[in-house]
């Protein structure tokens, strides 16, 4: 159904990114494209491409079968971008090099670079680029869509939270040597019981008025109790209402835990089709 290419490109200060590019054999050119972002897994891009891991996470493979050009990059510390000698999703070497950065900021840079790559391809309609991701990939999709207006549609699964409400909020700033530290600067706020200077639902609001589908579990193994997200969805709906674009917003809460089963993936694909396919 498609040809899988392997790419290597450079981001920032000589940082090499490895990615798969899936190009459908029978797609209309220029075709819609998607950046498919992997979850918190050592397999990185391989799982999203359907090469290994959980078949429910092979959404890049499935979108290519639906006619999308799909770019699947390894995010830093995952797949072929794990630091030598420390294993996957260990961020300490990154902070040794960039003590004033955050992994979330680095991921945004990498997501924007992925869109840059798609803009160089003759096969891609640059006005029809979307993002999709689960868990780690889900909040990377939210940050990317919020901060890069070239992204025309977003589908995020199990990536949404409100940091100040989350049971396991310290996971966002875990500074143990063998862990993944998303945003180190949050630690001082959480330890002092203070509200952080920004929160994830405020980032998500920046996606409006562009199309965004969010899928979240009432209980998520990564975040804990997420029932508060139901009220958050009402608030975000209000942002889309201000733009008079409520039809571009969809928000599903479910009881399946942190998962991306077939019926939820079908919903995400139909959402992207609605806005990216002609």
Protein backbone atom coordinates (compact mmCIF):
# COMPACT_ATOMS: atom_id res chain seq x y z
CA UNK A 1 0.00 0.00 0.00
CA UNK A 2 2.93 2.34 0.56
CA UNK A 3 6.69 2.66 0.38
CA UNK A 4 8.58 3.14 3.65
CA UNK A 5 11.67 5.32 3.43
CA UNK A 6 14.12 6.01 6.22
CA UNK A 7 15.28 9.58 6.64
CA UNK A 8 17.98 11.33 8.58
CA UNK A 9 17.91 15.10 9.02
CA UNK A 10 19.53 17.61 11.33
CA UNK A 11 17.72 19.77 13.89
CA UNK A 12 19.15 22.56 16.01
CA UNK A 13 22.86 22.32 16.79
CA UNK A 14 23.75 19.21 14.82
CA UNK A 15 21.12 16.94 16.42
CA UNK A 16 20.39 14.05 14.05
CA UNK A 17 16.79 12.89 13.78
CA UNK A 18 15.89 9.48 12.37
CA UNK A 19 12.42 9.07 10.90
CA UNK A 20 10.28 6.93 8.65
CA UNK A 21 8.48 8.48 5.71
CA UNK A 22 5.53 6.45 4.45
CA UNK A 23 4.39 7.37 0.93
CA UNK A 24 1.22 5.68 -0.39
CA UNK A 25 1.55 4.08 -3.80
CA UNK A 26 -1.79 5.36 -5.10
CA UNK A 27 -2.14 8.71 -3.37
CA UNK A 28 -3.21 11.82 -5.22
CA UNK A 29 -0.38 14.35 -5.44
CA UNK A 30 -0.19 16.63 -3.60
CA UNK A 31 -1.54 14.51 -0.77
CA UNK A 32 -2.47 15.26 2.85
CA UNK A 33 0.24 14.49 5.36
CA UNK A 34 0.47 13.64 9.05
CA UNK A 35 3.27 13.75 11.60
CA UNK A 36 2.65 10.63 13.72
CA UNK A 37 4.23 10.90 17.18
CA UNK A 38 5.20 7.87 19.24
CA UNK A 39 4.37 7.13 22.85
CA UNK A 40 6.78 6.63 25.76
CA UNK A 41 8.46 3.50 24.36
CA UNK A 42 12.01 2.42 23.62
CA UNK A 43 10.78 1.32 20.18
CA UNK A 44 10.12 4.92 19.19
CA UNK A 45 9.08 5.23 15.56
CA UNK A 46 9.07 1.47 14.93
CA UNK A 47 5.86 0.98 16.91
CA UNK A 48 3.97 3.74 15.08
CA UNK A 49 5.16 2.30 11.75
CA UNK A 50 3.80 -1.14 12.71
CA UNK A 51 7.23 -2.78 12.75
CA UNK A 52 7.01 -3.90 16.38
CA UNK A 53 5.31 -3.30 19.70
CA UNK A 54 1.59 -2.82 20.28
CA UNK A 55 -0.53 -3.10 17.09
CA UNK A 56 -2.93 -0.55 18.56
CA UNK A 57 -0.14 2.02 18.31
CA UNK A 58 0.53 1.47 14.58
CA UNK A 59 -1.46 4.56 13.61
CA UNK A 60 1.23 5.77 11.19
CA UNK A 61 1.00 2.49 9.28
CA UNK A 62 -2.80 2.68 9.24
CA UNK A 63 -2.90 6.31 8.09
CA UNK A 64 -0.54 5.54 5.20
CA UNK A 65 -2.97 2.82 4.16
CA UNK A 66 -5.67 5.51 4.08
CA UNK A 67 -3.71 7.67 1.62
CA UNK A 68 -1.73 9.97 3.91
CA UNK A 69 1.95 10.75 3.54
CA UNK A 70 3.15 10.00 7.07
CA UNK A 71 6.33 11.18 8.78
CA UNK A 72 7.24 9.26 11.96
CA UNK A 73 10.25 10.74 13.75
CA UNK A 74 12.07 9.37 16.75
CA UNK A 75 11.80 11.91 19.55
CA UNK A 76 14.91 12.50 21.62
CA UNK A 77 15.65 9.62 24.04
CA UNK A 78 13.40 7.22 22.08
CA UNK A 79 14.22 4.73 19.33
CA UNK A 80 17.52 5.49 17.61
CA UNK A 81 17.82 8.75 19.55
CA UNK A 82 18.33 7.19 22.99
CA UNK A 83 21.54 8.36 24.56
CA UNK A 84 24.29 5.70 24.45
CA UNK A 85 24.81 3.77 27.64
CA UNK A 86 21.77 5.06 29.55
CA UNK A 87 18.77 3.50 27.81
CA UNK A 88 15.58 4.98 26.44
CA UNK A 89 13.78 7.97 27.95
CA UNK A 90 16.63 9.07 30.18
CA UNK A 91 16.95 12.84 29.81
CA UNK A 92 19.94 13.63 32.08
CA UNK A 93 22.44 13.83 29.17
CA UNK A 94 20.19 16.39 27.46
CA UNK A 95 20.22 18.65 30.53
CA UNK A 96 23.98 18.27 30.86
CA UNK A 97 24.19 19.90 27.44
CA UNK A 98 21.23 22.29 27.73
CA UNK A 99 20.65 23.08 31.44
CA UNK A 100 18.16 25.87 30.74
CA UNK A 101 15.97 23.95 28.28
CA UNK A 102 13.15 21.48 28.80
CA UNK A 103 12.45 18.21 27.04
CA UNK A 104 9.04 19.59 26.10
CA UNK A 105 10.71 22.57 24.43
CA UNK A 106 13.06 20.23 22.58
CA UNK A 107 10.11 18.13 21.44
CA UNK A 108 8.39 21.25 20.08
CA UNK A 109 11.53 22.09 18.11
CA UNK A 110 11.59 18.55 16.71
CA UNK A 111 7.88 18.66 15.83
CA UNK A 112 8.33 21.93 13.96
CA UNK A 113 11.31 20.41 12.14
CA UNK A 114 9.12 17.48 11.09
CA UNK A 115 6.65 19.93 9.53
CA UNK A 116 9.61 21.64 7.83
CA UNK A 117 10.57 18.29 6.29
CA UNK A 118 7.04 17.73 4.98
CA UNK A 119 7.14 21.19 3.38
CA UNK A 120 10.11 20.08 1.25
CA UNK A 121 8.27 17.12 -0.31
CA UNK A 122 6.53 17.40 -3.68
CA UNK A 123 4.09 14.68 -2.59
CA UNK A 124 2.69 16.83 0.24
CA UNK A 125 -0.05 19.44 0.17
CA UNK A 126 1.41 21.82 2.74
CA UNK A 127 -2.04 23.26 3.53
CA UNK A 128 -3.22 19.81 4.65
CA UNK A 129 -0.78 18.73 7.37
CA UNK A 130 -2.05 17.15 10.57
CA UNK A 131 -0.60 15.63 13.74
CA UNK A 132 -1.58 12.58 15.77
CA UNK A 133 -0.13 10.93 18.86
CA UNK A 134 -0.81 8.79 21.91
CA UNK A 135 0.34 9.53 25.49
CA UNK A 136 3.81 11.12 25.12
CA UNK A 137 2.91 11.59 21.47
CA UNK A 138 -0.49 12.95 22.47
CA UNK A 139 0.81 15.91 24.41
CA UNK A 140 3.55 16.43 21.82
CA UNK A 141 0.72 16.73 19.28
CA UNK A 142 -1.04 19.30 21.48
CA UNK A 143 2.10 21.41 21.93
CA UNK A 144 2.93 21.19 18.22
CA UNK A 145 -0.55 22.19 17.06
CA UNK A 146 -0.69 25.01 19.61
CA UNK A 147 2.63 26.53 18.58
CA UNK A 148 2.85 25.79 14.84
CA UNK A 149 -0.02 27.29 12.84
CA UNK A 150 1.05 25.33 9.74
CA UNK A 151 -0.65 22.34 11.37
CA UNK A 152 -4.20 22.23 10.02
CA UNK A 153 -5.71 19.53 12.26
CA UNK A 154 -4.81 17.65 15.44
CA UNK A 155 -5.91 14.37 17.00
CA UNK A 156 -4.46 13.69 20.46
CA UNK A 157 -5.07 10.54 22.48
CA UNK A 158 -4.30 10.28 26.21
CA UNK A 159 -2.06 13.34 26.05
CA UNK A 160 -4.21 15.97 27.73
CA UNK A 161 -3.96 16.94 31.38
CA UNK A 162 -4.09 19.91 33.73
CA UNK A 163 -0.77 19.93 35.53
CA UNK A 164 -2.00 21.74 38.62
CA UNK A 165 -4.86 19.23 39.05
CA UNK A 166 -3.03 16.03 38.21
CA UNK A 167 -2.47 13.38 40.90
CA UNK A 168 0.93 12.43 39.51
CA UNK A 169 2.09 15.93 38.60
CA UNK A 170 5.62 15.33 39.90
CA UNK A 171 6.18 12.98 36.96
CA UNK A 172 6.44 16.11 34.79
CA UNK A 173 9.56 17.22 36.66
CA UNK A 174 11.19 13.98 37.83
CA UNK A 175 14.89 14.83 38.11
CA UNK A 176 16.19 11.34 39.00
CA UNK A 177 19.24 10.45 36.91
CA UNK A 178 17.52 7.50 35.22
CA UNK A 179 14.17 9.20 34.49
CA UNK A 180 12.62 11.49 31.89
CA UNK A 181 12.24 15.09 33.08
CA UNK A 182 9.70 16.95 30.95
CA UNK A 183 9.88 20.46 32.45
CA UNK A 184 12.42 20.87 35.30
CA UNK A 185 11.25 24.37 36.21
CA UNK A 186 7.88 23.03 37.37
CA UNK A 187 9.41 21.29 40.40
CA UNK A 188 9.81 24.40 42.54
CA UNK A 189 6.16 25.34 41.96
CA UNK A 190 4.78 21.92 42.77
CA UNK A 191 6.94 21.45 45.86
CA UNK A 192 5.80 24.83 47.18
CA UNK A 193 2.16 24.09 46.41
CA UNK A 194 1.98 27.00 43.99
CA UNK A 195 0.20 27.11 40.65
CA UNK A 196 2.61 26.85 37.72
CA UNK A 197 3.07 29.88 35.46
CA UNK A 198 1.27 28.06 32.63
CA UNK A 199 -0.80 24.92 32.31
CA UNK A 200 -1.45 22.38 29.59
CA UNK A 201 -5.09 23.35 29.02
CA UNK A 202 -3.93 26.92 28.36
CA UNK A 203 -1.49 25.61 25.76
CA UNK A 204 -4.27 23.53 24.20
CA UNK A 205 -6.49 26.61 23.93
CA UNK A 206 -3.95 28.04 21.46
CA UNK A 207 -4.98 25.38 18.92
CA UNK A 208 -8.31 27.17 18.43
CA UNK A 209 -9.86 27.82 15.98
CA UNK A 210 -8.10 25.04 14.07
CA UNK A 211 -9.64 21.55 14.27
CA UNK A 212 -8.73 19.53 17.36
CA UNK A 213 -10.00 16.18 18.58
CA UNK A 214 -8.98 15.22 22.11
CA UNK A 215 -9.53 11.72 23.50
CA UNK A 216 -8.86 11.13 27.21
CA UNK A 217 -9.52 8.44 29.81
CA UNK A 218 -11.27 9.19 33.09
CA UNK A 219 -8.47 7.18 34.71
CA UNK A 220 -5.06 7.01 33.03
CA UNK A 221 -2.14 4.92 34.27
CA UNK A 222 0.29 7.76 33.46
CA UNK A 223 -1.71 10.61 35.01
CA UNK A 224 -4.03 8.97 37.57
CA UNK A 225 -7.56 10.28 38.12
CA UNK A 226 -8.49 12.48 35.17
CA UNK A 227 -12.17 13.07 35.89
CA UNK A 228 -11.48 16.81 36.16
CA UNK A 229 -10.84 16.81 32.41
CA UNK A 230 -14.59 16.66 31.76
CA UNK A 231 -14.94 20.20 33.12
CA UNK A 232 -11.78 21.24 31.25
CA UNK A 233 -13.45 20.16 28.02
CA UNK A 234 -16.36 22.50 28.68
CA UNK A 235 -13.91 25.37 29.23
CA UNK A 236 -12.07 24.60 25.99
CA UNK A 237 -15.36 24.37 24.12
CA UNK A 238 -15.95 27.94 25.28
CA UNK A 239 -12.73 29.05 23.60
CA UNK A 240 -13.91 27.59 20.28
CA UNK A 241 -17.29 29.26 20.83
CA UNK A 242 -15.54 32.64 21.02
CA UNK A 243 -14.24 31.96 17.51
CA UNK A 244 -17.66 30.65 16.39
CA UNK A 245 -15.87 27.41 15.40
CA UNK A 246 -17.42 24.90 17.79
CA UNK A 247 -17.69 22.36 14.96
CA UNK A 248 -13.87 22.27 14.87
CA UNK A 249 -13.71 20.97 18.45
CA UNK A 250 -14.36 17.43 19.68
CA UNK A 251 -13.64 16.06 23.14
CA UNK A 252 -14.22 12.47 24.19
CA UNK A 253 -13.87 11.03 27.70
CA UNK A 254 -13.99 7.24 28.13
CA UNK A 255 -13.39 4.43 30.58
CA UNK A 256 -10.85 2.39 28.62
CA UNK A 257 -7.78 3.57 30.52
CA UNK A 258 -4.63 4.61 28.71
CA UNK A 259 -5.26 2.87 25.41
CA UNK A 260 -5.93 3.52 21.73
CA UNK A 261 -8.27 0.70 20.64
CA UNK A 262 -9.63 0.32 17.14
CA UNK A 263 -12.88 2.25 17.71
CA UNK A 264 -10.99 5.26 19.06
CA UNK A 265 -8.43 5.17 16.26
CA UNK A 266 -11.28 5.05 13.74
CA UNK A 267 -12.68 8.20 15.33
CA UNK A 268 -9.29 9.93 15.11
CA UNK A 269 -8.84 8.91 11.46
CA UNK A 270 -12.34 10.09 10.55
CA UNK A 271 -11.58 13.43 12.24
CA UNK A 272 -8.40 13.89 10.21
CA UNK A 273 -10.21 12.80 7.04
CA UNK A 274 -12.87 15.44 7.64
CA UNK A 275 -10.37 18.27 7.56
CA UNK A 276 -7.43 16.97 5.51
CA UNK A 277 -8.91 14.74 2.81
CA UNK A 278 -10.64 16.23 -0.23
